[in-house]
Amino acid sequence: MDDTIEDSLDYGAPTLVEGFAYVVAVEGETAWLEPEQTTSCGGCASASACGAKGIGTLAERLEARRFSIPHQDGLRVGERVVVGVSEKALVKASLTAYAIPLAVMLISGGVAQWAVGSDLATMAAMAGGLLLGLAGARLNAGRLNAHGELSPRYLRRADVAITCHF
């Protein structure tokens, strides 16, 4: 590999996962965006059980997905923009949503099985552990959100012809 190319790569830079969104409202210093629904959404084998679809009408589901960013770059309603979330934030969110409840549930069940040895006690401890893990996950998600780690960042206006950016 050419040394000039290798020197220009910054492996320490945070990697962003990019997505498209539409500006749906501008209120003072805040721009409200709705993520663009991809063509694959609703097209997979588990579409009927998917939580991404939400409950209620399409308008209610889209409104529930709205998020705000600081109004910048003269954004106007109807514009398509590119937003990004750091890969680290996605990993933290995934661990919060899945690993914390699962780990607490399994540890609770293991301790109950070791201490009591009853399947009924183990199942009850696992149910309690799951509830405790979900509460812990909610607290951690609130902390991440309060620090702004889960908030998408405005990157640029989207080119009309571009559907994906690699």
C-alpha atoms as a PDB file:
ATOM      1  CA  MET A   1       0.000   0.000   0.000  1.00  0.00           C
ATOM      2  CA  ASP A   2       1.210   3.492  -0.787  1.00  0.00           C
ATOM      3  CA  ASP A   3       2.538   5.288   2.314  1.00  0.00           C
ATOM      4  CA  THR A   4       0.611   8.477   1.496  1.00  0.00           C
ATOM      5  CA  ILE A   5      -2.698   6.597   1.414  1.00  0.00           C
ATOM      6  CA  GLU A   6      -1.900   4.732   4.627  1.00  0.00           C
ATOM      7  CA  ASP A   7      -0.952   7.961   6.414  1.00  0.00           C
ATOM      8  CA  SER A   8      -4.233   9.609   5.392  1.00  0.00           C
ATOM      9  CA  LEU A   9      -6.396   6.920   7.035  1.00  0.00           C
ATOM     10  CA  ASP A  10      -7.436   7.910  10.547  1.00  0.00           C
ATOM     11  CA  TYR A  11      -8.267   4.707  12.378  1.00  0.00           C
ATOM     12  CA  GLY A  12      -8.927   6.631  15.585  1.00  0.00           C
ATOM     13  CA  ALA A  13     -11.759   8.662  14.062  1.00  0.00           C
ATOM     14  CA  PRO A  14     -15.249   7.694  15.197  1.00  0.00           C
ATOM     15  CA  THR A  15     -17.150   5.737  12.564  1.00  0.00           C
ATOM     16  CA  LEU A  16     -20.691   6.848  11.876  1.00  0.00           C
ATOM     17  CA  VAL A  17     -23.615   4.812  10.689  1.00  0.00           C
ATOM     18  CA  GLU A  18     -25.460   7.053   8.258  1.00  0.00           C
ATOM     19  CA  GLY A  19     -29.120   7.230   7.385  1.00  0.00           C
ATOM     20  CA  PHE A  20     -31.544   9.494   5.598  1.00  0.00           C
ATOM     21  CA  ALA A  21     -34.230  11.643   7.160  1.00  0.00           C
ATOM     22  CA  TYR A  22     -36.715  14.273   6.036  1.00  0.00           C
ATOM     23  CA  VAL A  23     -37.147  17.679   7.648  1.00  0.00           C
ATOM     24  CA  VAL A  24     -40.802  17.792   8.723  1.00  0.00           C
ATOM     25  CA  ALA A  25     -40.825  20.968  10.820  1.00  0.00           C
ATOM     26  CA  VAL A  26     -38.584  23.859  11.774  1.00  0.00           C
ATOM     27  CA  GLU A  27     -39.338  25.638  15.040  1.00  0.00           C
ATOM     28  CA  GLY A  28     -36.867  28.372  15.922  1.00  0.00           C
ATOM     29  CA  GLU A  29     -33.556  26.745  16.742  1.00  0.00           C
ATOM     30  CA  THR A  30     -34.891  23.192  16.369  1.00  0.00           C
ATOM     31  CA  ALA A  31     -35.420  21.125  13.234  1.00  0.00           C
ATOM     32  CA  TRP A  32     -37.671  18.047  13.502  1.00  0.00           C
ATOM     33  CA  LEU A  33     -36.773  15.056  11.353  1.00  0.00           C
ATOM     34  CA  GLU A  34     -38.388  11.738  10.495  1.00  0.00           C
ATOM     35  CA  PRO A  35     -36.173   8.856   9.418  1.00  0.00           C
ATOM     36  CA  GLU A  36     -36.706   7.619   5.895  1.00  0.00           C
ATOM     37  CA  GLN A  37     -38.336   4.212   5.857  1.00  0.00           C
ATOM     38  CA  THR A  38     -36.186   1.841   3.852  1.00  0.00           C
ATOM     39  CA  THR A  39     -37.615  -0.386   1.173  1.00  0.00           C
ATOM     40  CA  SER A  40     -36.628  -3.476   3.140  1.00  0.00           C
ATOM     41  CA  CYS A  41     -38.644  -2.381   6.171  1.00  0.00           C
ATOM     42  CA  GLY A  42     -41.736  -4.565   6.301  1.00  0.00           C
ATOM     43  CA  GLY A  43     -40.443  -6.843   3.577  1.00  0.00           C
ATOM     44  CA  CYS A  44     -38.701  -9.475   5.642  1.00  0.00           C
ATOM     45  CA  ALA A  45     -40.048 -12.795   6.886  1.00  0.00           C
ATOM     46  CA  SER A  46     -40.708 -11.452  10.396  1.00  0.00           C
ATOM     47  CA  ALA A  47     -42.492  -8.276   9.281  1.00  0.00           C
ATOM     48  CA  SER A  48     -45.712  -9.210  11.053  1.00  0.00           C
ATOM     49  CA  ALA A  49     -43.936  -9.468  14.415  1.00  0.00           C
ATOM     50  CA  CYS A  50     -41.566  -6.533  13.973  1.00  0.00           C
ATOM     51  CA  GLY A  51     -41.565  -3.857  16.663  1.00  0.00           C
ATOM     52  CA  ALA A  52     -40.288  -1.251  14.201  1.00  0.00           C
ATOM     53  CA  LYS A  53     -43.743  -0.994  12.660  1.00  0.00           C
ATOM     54  CA  GLY A  54     -45.316   0.467  15.788  1.00  0.00           C
ATOM     55  CA  ILE A  55     -48.986   0.553  16.708  1.00  0.00           C
ATOM     56  CA  GLY A  56     -51.707   2.643  15.143  1.00  0.00           C
ATOM     57  CA  THR A  57     -51.910   4.565  11.924  1.00  0.00           C
ATOM     58  CA  LEU A  58     -48.973   5.324   9.689  1.00  0.00           C
ATOM     59  CA  ALA A  59     -49.048   8.994  10.751  1.00  0.00           C
ATOM     60  CA  GLU A  60     -48.888   8.033  14.435  1.00  0.00           C
ATOM     61  CA  ARG A  61     -45.991   5.669  13.810  1.00  0.00           C
ATOM     62  CA  LEU A  62     -44.032   8.258  11.838  1.00  0.00           C
ATOM     63  CA  GLU A  63     -44.658  10.948  14.447  1.00  0.00           C
ATOM     64  CA  ALA A  64     -43.418   8.609  17.185  1.00  0.00           C
ATOM     65  CA  ARG A  65     -40.127   8.243  15.295  1.00  0.00           C
ATOM     66  CA  ARG A  66     -39.515  12.003  15.023  1.00  0.00           C
ATOM     67  CA  PHE A  67     -36.371  13.412  16.521  1.00  0.00           C
ATOM     68  CA  SER A  68     -34.929  16.886  16.796  1.00  0.00           C
ATOM     69  CA  ILE A  69     -31.581  18.375  15.923  1.00  0.00           C
ATOM     70  CA  PRO A  70     -30.292  21.924  16.322  1.00  0.00           C
ATOM     71  CA  HIS A  71     -31.477  23.947  13.300  1.00  0.00           C
ATOM     72  CA  GLN A  72     -28.444  24.668  11.180  1.00  0.00           C
ATOM     73  CA  ASP A  73     -27.383  25.072   7.595  1.00  0.00           C
ATOM     74  CA  GLY A  74     -30.715  26.736   6.665  1.00  0.00           C
ATOM     75  CA  LEU A  75     -32.743  23.539   6.623  1.00  0.00           C
ATOM     76  CA  ARG A  76     -36.244  23.759   5.158  1.00  0.00           C
ATOM     77  CA  VAL A  77     -39.308  21.537   5.511  1.00  0.00           C
ATOM     78  CA  GLY A  78     -39.277  18.718   2.956  1.00  0.00           C
ATOM     79  CA  GLU A  79     -35.519  18.541   2.552  1.00  0.00           C
ATOM     80  CA  ARG A  80     -33.790  15.167   2.653  1.00  0.00           C
ATOM     81  CA  VAL A  81     -30.708  15.095   4.869  1.00  0.00           C
ATOM     82  CA  VAL A  82     -28.088  12.608   5.996  1.00  0.00           C
ATOM     83  CA  VAL A  83     -27.802  11.978   9.730  1.00  0.00           C
ATOM     84  CA  GLY A  84     -25.327   9.803  11.549  1.00  0.00           C
ATOM     85  CA  VAL A  85     -24.999   7.910  14.799  1.00  0.00           C
ATOM     86  CA  SER A  86     -21.657   6.657  16.047  1.00  0.00           C
ATOM     87  CA  GLU A  87     -21.056   2.919  15.956  1.00  0.00           C
ATOM     88  CA  LYS A  88     -20.118   3.050  19.635  1.00  0.00           C
ATOM     89  CA  ALA A  89     -23.527   4.511  20.469  1.00  0.00           C
ATOM     90  CA  LEU A  90     -25.247   1.692  18.578  1.00  0.00           C
ATOM     91  CA  VAL A  91     -23.201  -0.909  20.442  1.00  0.00           C
ATOM     92  CA  LYS A  92     -24.013   0.746  23.781  1.00  0.00           C
ATOM     93  CA  ALA A  93     -27.702   0.873  22.897  1.00  0.00           C
ATOM     94  CA  SER A  94     -27.710  -2.787  21.824  1.00  0.00           C
ATOM     95  CA  LEU A  95     -25.939  -3.906  24.984  1.00  0.00           C
ATOM     96  CA  THR A  96     -28.330  -1.842  27.061  1.00  0.00           C
ATOM     97  CA  ALA A  97     -31.440  -3.199  25.372  1.00  0.00           C
ATOM     98  CA  TYR A  98     -30.439  -6.856  25.161  1.00  0.00           C
ATOM     99  CA  ALA A  99     -27.407  -7.782  27.256  1.00  0.00           C
ATOM    100  CA  ILE A 100     -28.372  -6.163  30.559  1.00  0.00           C
ATOM    101  CA  PRO A 101     -31.833  -7.771  30.866  1.00  0.00           C
ATOM    102  CA  LEU A 102     -30.599 -11.135  29.581  1.00  0.00           C
ATOM    103  CA  ALA A 103     -27.545 -11.212  31.846  1.00  0.00           C
ATOM    104  CA  VAL A 104     -29.506 -10.255  34.975  1.00  0.00           C
ATOM    105  CA  MET A 105     -32.179 -12.837  34.131  1.00  0.00           C
ATOM    106  CA  LEU A 106     -29.670 -15.652  33.607  1.00  0.00           C
ATOM    107  CA  ILE A 107     -27.620 -14.785  36.691  1.00  0.00           C
ATOM    108  CA  SER A 108     -30.786 -14.638  38.824  1.00  0.00           C
ATOM    109  CA  GLY A 109     -31.893 -18.014  37.512  1.00  0.00           C
ATOM    110  CA  GLY A 110     -28.474 -19.545  38.067  1.00  0.00           C
ATOM    111  CA  VAL A 111     -28.248 -18.283  41.639  1.00  0.00           C
ATOM    112  CA  ALA A 112     -31.779 -19.495  42.400  1.00  0.00           C
ATOM    113  CA  GLN A 113     -31.076 -22.920  40.925  1.00  0.00           C
ATOM    114  CA  TRP A 114     -27.852 -23.195  42.916  1.00  0.00           C
ATOM    115  CA  ALA A 115     -29.373 -21.936  46.170  1.00  0.00           C
ATOM    116  CA  VAL A 116     -32.825 -23.552  46.094  1.00  0.00           C
ATOM    117  CA  GLY A 117     -32.639 -26.237  43.422  1.00  0.00           C
ATOM    118  CA  SER A 118     -36.315 -25.887  42.502  1.00  0.00           C
ATOM    119  CA  ASP A 119     -37.433 -25.280  38.942  1.00  0.00           C
ATOM    120  CA  LEU A 120     -40.325 -23.135  40.119  1.00  0.00           C
ATOM    121  CA  ALA A 121     -38.015 -20.939  42.200  1.00  0.00           C
ATOM    122  CA  THR A 122     -35.609 -20.691  39.260  1.00  0.00           C
ATOM    123  CA  MET A 123     -38.370 -19.601  36.891  1.00  0.00           C
ATOM    124  CA  ALA A 124     -39.638 -17.041  39.408  1.00  0.00           C
ATOM    125  CA  ALA A 125     -36.113 -15.708  39.932  1.00  0.00           C
ATOM    126  CA  MET A 126     -35.587 -15.486  36.175  1.00  0.00           C
ATOM    127  CA  ALA A 127     -38.846 -13.541  35.748  1.00  0.00           C
ATOM    128  CA  GLY A 128     -37.838 -11.199  38.568  1.00  0.00           C
ATOM    129  CA  GLY A 129     -34.339 -10.898  37.111  1.00  0.00           C
ATOM    130  CA  LEU A 130     -35.775 -10.001  33.733  1.00  0.00           C
ATOM    131  CA  LEU A 131     -37.899  -7.242  35.282  1.00  0.00           C
ATOM    132  CA  LEU A 132     -34.900  -5.978  37.254  1.00  0.00           C
ATOM    133  CA  GLY A 133     -32.741  -6.097  34.111  1.00  0.00           C
ATOM    134  CA  LEU A 134     -35.342  -4.180  32.116  1.00  0.00           C
ATOM    135  CA  ALA A 135     -35.461  -1.530  34.840  1.00  0.00           C
ATOM    136  CA  GLY A 136     -31.657  -1.310  34.765  1.00  0.00           C
ATOM    137  CA  ALA A 137     -31.698  -1.050  30.988  1.00  0.00           C
ATOM    138  CA  ARG A 138     -34.247   1.759  31.166  1.00  0.00           C
ATOM    139  CA  LEU A 139     -32.062   3.670  33.641  1.00  0.00           C
ATOM    140  CA  ASN A 140     -28.964   3.180  31.490  1.00  0.00           C
ATOM    141  CA  ALA A 141     -30.837   4.239  28.337  1.00  0.00           C
ATOM    142  CA  GLY A 142     -32.003   7.376  30.140  1.00  0.00           C
ATOM    143  CA  ARG A 143     -28.419   8.133  31.148  1.00  0.00           C
ATOM    144  CA  LEU A 144     -27.149   7.610  27.595  1.00  0.00           C
ATOM    145  CA  ASN A 145     -29.929   9.793  26.224  1.00  0.00           C
ATOM    146  CA  ALA A 146     -29.288  12.538  28.805  1.00  0.00           C
ATOM    147  CA  HIS A 147     -25.648  12.675  27.718  1.00  0.00           C
ATOM    148  CA  GLY A 148     -26.731  12.897  24.071  1.00  0.00           C
ATOM    149  CA  GLU A 149     -24.894   9.729  23.104  1.00  0.00           C
ATOM    150  CA  LEU A 150     -27.886   8.242  21.278  1.00  0.00           C
ATOM    151  CA  SER A 151     -28.875  11.381  19.369  1.00  0.00           C
ATOM    152  CA  PRO A 152     -28.399  11.407  15.612  1.00  0.00           C
ATOM    153  CA  ARG A 153     -26.191  14.189  14.263  1.00  0.00           C
ATOM    154  CA  TYR A 154     -26.840  16.238  11.130  1.00  0.00           C
ATOM    155  CA  LEU A 155     -24.097  15.549   8.595  1.00  0.00           C
ATOM    156  CA  ARG A 156     -25.155  17.092   5.285  1.00  0.00           C
ATOM    157  CA  ARG A 157     -27.940  17.550   2.777  1.00  0.00           C
ATOM    158  CA  ALA A 158     -28.630  14.405   0.788  1.00  0.00           C
ATOM    159  CA  ASP A 159     -28.070  14.334  -2.934  1.00  0.00           C
ATOM    160  CA  VAL A 160     -31.359  13.540  -4.649  1.00  0.00           C
ATOM    161  CA  ALA A 161     -29.826  10.772  -6.754  1.00  0.00           C
ATOM    162  CA  ILE A 162     -28.096   8.973  -3.876  1.00  0.00           C
ATOM    163  CA  THR A 163     -29.928   6.194  -2.078  1.00  0.00           C
ATOM    164  CA  CYS A 164     -27.050   4.750  -0.043  1.00  0.00           C
ATOM    165  CA  HIS A 165     -23.724   6.166   1.099  1.00  0.00           C
ATOM    166  CA  PHE A 166     -20.813   3.841   1.695  1.00  0.00           C
END
